[in-house]
Amino acid sequence: MLRIVTLIVGVVVLAVSAHAEVWMVKSSGVVGCRDRETLAKLDPSQASHDGAAPDGCVLLYPGERLLDQPEVGVGFNEFIRVQRHDSSTVFVTRSAIVADPGIGSATDDRPE
Protein backbone atom coordinates (compact mmCIF):
# COMPACT_ATOMS: atom_id res chain seq x y z
CA MET A 1 0.00 0.00 0.00
CA LEU A 2 2.85 2.38 0.87
CA ARG A 3 4.45 1.74 -2.52
CA ILE A 4 1.24 2.61 -4.34
CA VAL A 5 0.81 5.86 -2.38
CA THR A 6 4.47 6.77 -3.01
CA LEU A 7 4.05 6.07 -6.72
CA ILE A 8 0.91 8.21 -6.94
CA VAL A 9 2.56 11.10 -5.08
CA GLY A 10 5.60 10.84 -7.38
CA VAL A 11 3.47 10.93 -10.52
CA VAL A 12 1.52 13.95 -9.25
CA VAL A 13 4.73 15.83 -8.37
CA LEU A 14 6.24 15.10 -11.78
CA ALA A 15 3.07 16.14 -13.59
CA VAL A 16 2.91 19.45 -11.71
CA SER A 17 6.60 20.22 -12.20
CA ALA A 18 6.44 19.31 -15.89
CA HIS A 19 3.84 22.00 -16.52
CA ALA A 20 5.46 25.31 -17.35
CA GLU A 21 4.03 28.56 -18.57
CA VAL A 22 5.47 29.96 -21.75
CA TRP A 23 6.16 33.68 -21.95
CA MET A 24 7.28 36.04 -24.70
CA VAL A 25 9.50 39.11 -24.45
CA LYS A 26 7.39 42.20 -25.28
CA SER A 27 9.95 44.45 -26.94
CA SER A 28 13.63 45.06 -27.59
CA GLY A 29 15.90 46.26 -24.82
CA VAL A 30 14.57 43.84 -22.19
CA VAL A 31 17.31 42.78 -19.81
CA GLY A 32 17.52 39.44 -18.01
CA CYS A 33 19.99 38.94 -15.15
CA ARG A 34 21.50 35.83 -13.59
CA ASP A 35 20.32 36.80 -10.13
CA ARG A 36 17.33 38.64 -8.74
CA GLU A 37 19.39 41.16 -6.74
CA THR A 38 21.25 42.42 -9.82
CA LEU A 39 17.98 42.91 -11.69
CA ALA A 40 16.42 44.70 -8.71
CA LYS A 41 19.32 47.18 -8.57
CA LEU A 42 19.29 47.76 -12.32
CA ASP A 43 18.01 51.07 -13.63
CA PRO A 44 15.96 50.51 -16.83
CA SER A 45 18.15 53.03 -18.68
CA GLN A 46 21.35 51.07 -17.95
CA ALA A 47 21.12 48.96 -21.10
CA SER A 48 23.51 50.91 -23.29
CA HIS A 49 22.63 52.17 -26.75
CA ASP A 50 25.26 49.95 -28.39
CA GLY A 51 23.25 46.86 -27.47
CA ALA A 52 25.38 45.74 -24.51
CA ALA A 53 23.86 44.66 -21.21
CA PRO A 54 25.37 45.35 -17.76
CA ASP A 55 27.64 42.75 -16.15
CA GLY A 56 25.76 39.60 -15.15
CA CYS A 57 22.88 40.39 -17.52
CA VAL A 58 21.90 39.71 -21.13
CA LEU A 59 19.66 41.46 -23.62
CA LEU A 60 16.67 39.33 -24.61
CA TYR A 61 15.26 39.26 -28.12
CA PRO A 62 11.82 40.72 -28.86
CA GLY A 63 9.41 37.80 -29.17
CA GLU A 64 11.85 35.38 -27.51
CA ARG A 65 10.00 32.53 -25.83
CA LEU A 66 10.81 31.84 -22.20
CA LEU A 67 9.74 28.98 -19.92
CA ASP A 68 8.62 29.88 -16.42
CA GLN A 69 10.71 28.20 -13.73
CA PRO A 70 8.45 28.13 -10.64
CA GLU A 71 10.01 29.01 -7.31
CA VAL A 72 8.53 27.59 -4.13
CA GLY A 73 7.99 30.07 -1.33
CA VAL A 74 8.64 33.23 -3.34
CA GLY A 75 5.00 34.19 -3.80
CA PHE A 76 3.98 37.00 -6.10
CA ASN A 77 7.02 38.97 -7.11
CA GLU A 78 7.96 41.63 -9.63
CA PHE A 79 10.74 39.39 -10.94
CA ILE A 80 10.32 35.86 -12.25
CA ARG A 81 12.86 33.19 -13.12
CA VAL A 82 12.66 31.92 -16.69
CA GLN A 83 14.62 29.54 -18.89
CA ARG A 84 15.89 30.66 -22.30
CA HIS A 85 16.23 28.55 -25.47
CA ASP A 86 19.89 27.82 -24.62
CA SER A 87 18.83 26.39 -21.21
CA SER A 88 20.27 29.34 -19.30
CA THR A 89 18.17 30.73 -16.47
CA VAL A 90 17.63 34.47 -15.98
CA PHE A 91 15.36 36.75 -13.98
CA VAL A 92 13.13 39.23 -15.82
CA THR A 93 10.54 41.76 -14.72
CA ARG A 94 6.91 40.71 -15.14
CA SER A 95 6.13 43.93 -17.02
CA ALA A 96 8.65 43.01 -19.74
CA ILE A 97 6.94 39.76 -20.76
CA VAL A 98 3.50 38.57 -21.81
CA ALA A 99 1.89 35.14 -21.89
CA ASP A 100 2.73 33.39 -25.15
CA PRO A 101 -0.42 33.28 -27.28
CA GLY A 102 0.82 30.16 -29.09
CA ILE A 103 -0.76 29.07 -32.34
CA GLY A 104 -4.21 28.56 -30.90
CA SER A 105 -6.22 25.43 -30.46
CA ALA A 106 -6.67 22.97 -33.29
CA THR A 107 -10.26 22.36 -32.19
CA ASP A 108 -11.43 25.99 -31.90
CA ASP A 109 -13.48 27.44 -34.74
CA ARG A 110 -11.61 30.15 -36.58
CA PRO A 111 -13.24 32.94 -38.57
CA GLU A 112 -12.79 32.67 -42.32
C-alpha atoms as a PDB file:
ATOM      1  CA  MET A   1       0.000   0.000   0.000  1.00  0.00           C
ATOM      2  CA  LEU A   2       2.846   2.384   0.867  1.00  0.00           C
ATOM      3  CA  ARG A   3       4.454   1.740  -2.524  1.00  0.00           C
ATOM      4  CA  ILE A   4       1.235   2.614  -4.339  1.00  0.00           C
ATOM      5  CA  VAL A   5       0.813   5.858  -2.380  1.00  0.00           C
ATOM      6  CA  THR A   6       4.465   6.773  -3.008  1.00  0.00           C
ATOM      7  CA  LEU A   7       4.052   6.069  -6.718  1.00  0.00           C
ATOM      8  CA  ILE A   8       0.908   8.206  -6.937  1.00  0.00           C
ATOM      9  CA  VAL A   9       2.558  11.097  -5.085  1.00  0.00           C
ATOM     10  CA  GLY A  10       5.598  10.838  -7.375  1.00  0.00           C
ATOM     11  CA  VAL A  11       3.472  10.934 -10.516  1.00  0.00           C
ATOM     12  CA  VAL A  12       1.525  13.953  -9.254  1.00  0.00           C
ATOM     13  CA  VAL A  13       4.729  15.828  -8.372  1.00  0.00           C
ATOM     14  CA  LEU A  14       6.242  15.100 -11.776  1.00  0.00           C
ATOM     15  CA  ALA A  15       3.074  16.144 -13.585  1.00  0.00           C
ATOM     16  CA  VAL A  16       2.907  19.449 -11.710  1.00  0.00           C
ATOM     17  CA  SER A  17       6.596  20.224 -12.197  1.00  0.00           C
ATOM     18  CA  ALA A  18       6.441  19.308 -15.890  1.00  0.00           C
ATOM     19  CA  HIS A  19       3.837  21.995 -16.516  1.00  0.00           C
ATOM     20  CA  ALA A  20       5.464  25.313 -17.346  1.00  0.00           C
ATOM     21  CA  GLU A  21       4.031  28.555 -18.575  1.00  0.00           C
ATOM     22  CA  VAL A  22       5.468  29.962 -21.754  1.00  0.00           C
ATOM     23  CA  TRP A  23       6.164  33.684 -21.946  1.00  0.00           C
ATOM     24  CA  MET A  24       7.278  36.036 -24.704  1.00  0.00           C
ATOM     25  CA  VAL A  25       9.495  39.106 -24.450  1.00  0.00           C
ATOM     26  CA  LYS A  26       7.392  42.198 -25.276  1.00  0.00           C
ATOM     27  CA  SER A  27       9.947  44.454 -26.945  1.00  0.00           C
ATOM     28  CA  SER A  28      13.626  45.057 -27.593  1.00  0.00           C
ATOM     29  CA  GLY A  29      15.902  46.258 -24.820  1.00  0.00           C
ATOM     30  CA  VAL A  30      14.574  43.836 -22.187  1.00  0.00           C
ATOM     31  CA  VAL A  31      17.309  42.780 -19.805  1.00  0.00           C
ATOM     32  CA  GLY A  32      17.516  39.435 -18.010  1.00  0.00           C
ATOM     33  CA  CYS A  33      19.988  38.936 -15.150  1.00  0.00           C
ATOM     34  CA  ARG A  34      21.504  35.832 -13.589  1.00  0.00           C
ATOM     35  CA  ASP A  35      20.323  36.801 -10.126  1.00  0.00           C
ATOM     36  CA  ARG A  36      17.329  38.640  -8.737  1.00  0.00           C
ATOM     37  CA  GLU A  37      19.390  41.162  -6.742  1.00  0.00           C
ATOM     38  CA  THR A  38      21.246  42.423  -9.821  1.00  0.00           C
ATOM     39  CA  LEU A  39      17.983  42.913 -11.686  1.00  0.00           C
ATOM     40  CA  ALA A  40      16.421  44.703  -8.705  1.00  0.00           C
ATOM     41  CA  LYS A  41      19.318  47.182  -8.569  1.00  0.00           C
ATOM     42  CA  LEU A  42      19.288  47.765 -12.318  1.00  0.00           C
ATOM     43  CA  ASP A  43      18.013  51.071 -13.630  1.00  0.00           C
ATOM     44  CA  PRO A  44      15.962  50.515 -16.831  1.00  0.00           C
ATOM     45  CA  SER A  45      18.149  53.029 -18.683  1.00  0.00           C
ATOM     46  CA  GLN A  46      21.352  51.069 -17.948  1.00  0.00           C
ATOM     47  CA  ALA A  47      21.122  48.962 -21.100  1.00  0.00           C
ATOM     48  CA  SER A  48      23.508  50.911 -23.288  1.00  0.00           C
ATOM     49  CA  HIS A  49      22.633  52.165 -26.747  1.00  0.00           C
ATOM     50  CA  ASP A  50      25.263  49.947 -28.395  1.00  0.00           C
ATOM     51  CA  GLY A  51      23.251  46.856 -27.467  1.00  0.00           C
ATOM     52  CA  ALA A  52      25.378  45.743 -24.514  1.00  0.00           C
ATOM     53  CA  ALA A  53      23.862  44.657 -21.208  1.00  0.00           C
ATOM     54  CA  PRO A  54      25.368  45.351 -17.764  1.00  0.00           C
ATOM     55  CA  ASP A  55      27.644  42.753 -16.145  1.00  0.00           C
ATOM     56  CA  GLY A  56      25.761  39.602 -15.155  1.00  0.00           C
ATOM     57  CA  CYS A  57      22.882  40.388 -17.523  1.00  0.00           C
ATOM     58  CA  VAL A  58      21.905  39.712 -21.134  1.00  0.00           C
ATOM     59  CA  LEU A  59      19.662  41.457 -23.623  1.00  0.00           C
ATOM     60  CA  LEU A  60      16.667  39.334 -24.610  1.00  0.00           C
ATOM     61  CA  TYR A  61      15.263  39.258 -28.119  1.00  0.00           C
ATOM     62  CA  PRO A  62      11.823  40.721 -28.863  1.00  0.00           C
ATOM     63  CA  GLY A  63       9.415  37.801 -29.168  1.00  0.00           C
ATOM     64  CA  GLU A  64      11.852  35.383 -27.511  1.00  0.00           C
ATOM     65  CA  ARG A  65      10.004  32.531 -25.830  1.00  0.00           C
ATOM     66  CA  LEU A  66      10.808  31.836 -22.196  1.00  0.00           C
ATOM     67  CA  LEU A  67       9.740  28.977 -19.921  1.00  0.00           C
ATOM     68  CA  ASP A  68       8.618  29.884 -16.417  1.00  0.00           C
ATOM     69  CA  GLN A  69      10.706  28.202 -13.728  1.00  0.00           C
ATOM     70  CA  PRO A  70       8.454  28.129 -10.637  1.00  0.00           C
ATOM     71  CA  GLU A  71      10.015  29.008  -7.308  1.00  0.00           C
ATOM     72  CA  VAL A  72       8.530  27.591  -4.133  1.00  0.00           C
ATOM     73  CA  GLY A  73       7.995  30.069  -1.326  1.00  0.00           C
ATOM     74  CA  VAL A  74       8.636  33.230  -3.337  1.00  0.00           C
ATOM     75  CA  GLY A  75       5.001  34.194  -3.798  1.00  0.00           C
ATOM     76  CA  PHE A  76       3.984  37.000  -6.101  1.00  0.00           C
ATOM     77  CA  ASN A  77       7.025  38.967  -7.113  1.00  0.00           C
ATOM     78  CA  GLU A  78       7.960  41.628  -9.634  1.00  0.00           C
ATOM     79  CA  PHE A  79      10.740  39.387 -10.942  1.00  0.00           C
ATOM     80  CA  ILE A  80      10.321  35.859 -12.249  1.00  0.00           C
ATOM     81  CA  ARG A  81      12.862  33.190 -13.117  1.00  0.00           C
ATOM     82  CA  VAL A  82      12.665  31.922 -16.695  1.00  0.00           C
ATOM     83  CA  GLN A  83      14.624  29.544 -18.888  1.00  0.00           C
ATOM     84  CA  ARG A  84      15.886  30.661 -22.301  1.00  0.00           C
ATOM     85  CA  HIS A  85      16.226  28.550 -25.473  1.00  0.00           C
ATOM     86  CA  ASP A  86      19.888  27.819 -24.624  1.00  0.00           C
ATOM     87  CA  SER A  87      18.827  26.390 -21.212  1.00  0.00           C
ATOM     88  CA  SER A  88      20.273  29.338 -19.298  1.00  0.00           C
ATOM     89  CA  THR A  89      18.165  30.730 -16.467  1.00  0.00           C
ATOM     90  CA  VAL A  90      17.633  34.465 -15.977  1.00  0.00           C
ATOM     91  CA  PHE A  91      15.363  36.754 -13.983  1.00  0.00           C
ATOM     92  CA  VAL A  92      13.126  39.227 -15.817  1.00  0.00           C
ATOM     93  CA  THR A  93      10.536  41.758 -14.724  1.00  0.00           C
ATOM     94  CA  ARG A  94       6.908  40.711 -15.136  1.00  0.00           C
ATOM     95  CA  SER A  95       6.130  43.927 -17.017  1.00  0.00           C
ATOM     96  CA  ALA A  96       8.652  43.011 -19.737  1.00  0.00           C
ATOM     97  CA  ILE A  97       6.938  39.760 -20.761  1.00  0.00           C
ATOM     98  CA  VAL A  98       3.498  38.567 -21.812  1.00  0.00           C
ATOM     99  CA  ALA A  99       1.886  35.139 -21.892  1.00  0.00           C
ATOM    100  CA  ASP A 100       2.725  33.386 -25.151  1.00  0.00           C
ATOM    101  CA  PRO A 101      -0.420  33.276 -27.275  1.00  0.00           C
ATOM    102  CA  GLY A 102       0.825  30.163 -29.090  1.00  0.00           C
ATOM    103  CA  ILE A 103      -0.757  29.072 -32.335  1.00  0.00           C
ATOM    104  CA  GLY A 104      -4.205  28.564 -30.902  1.00  0.00           C
ATOM    105  CA  SER A 105      -6.223  25.433 -30.464  1.00  0.00           C
ATOM    106  CA  ALA A 106      -6.673  22.974 -33.290  1.00  0.00           C
ATOM    107  CA  THR A 107     -10.263  22.359 -32.187  1.00  0.00           C
ATOM    108  CA  ASP A 108     -11.433  25.988 -31.901  1.00  0.00           C
ATOM    109  CA  ASP A 109     -13.483  27.439 -34.738  1.00  0.00           C
ATOM    110  CA  ARG A 110     -11.612  30.149 -36.582  1.00  0.00           C
ATOM    111  CA  PRO A 111     -13.244  32.936 -38.569  1.00  0.00           C
ATOM    112  CA  GLU A 112     -12.792  32.673 -42.317  1.00  0.00           C
END
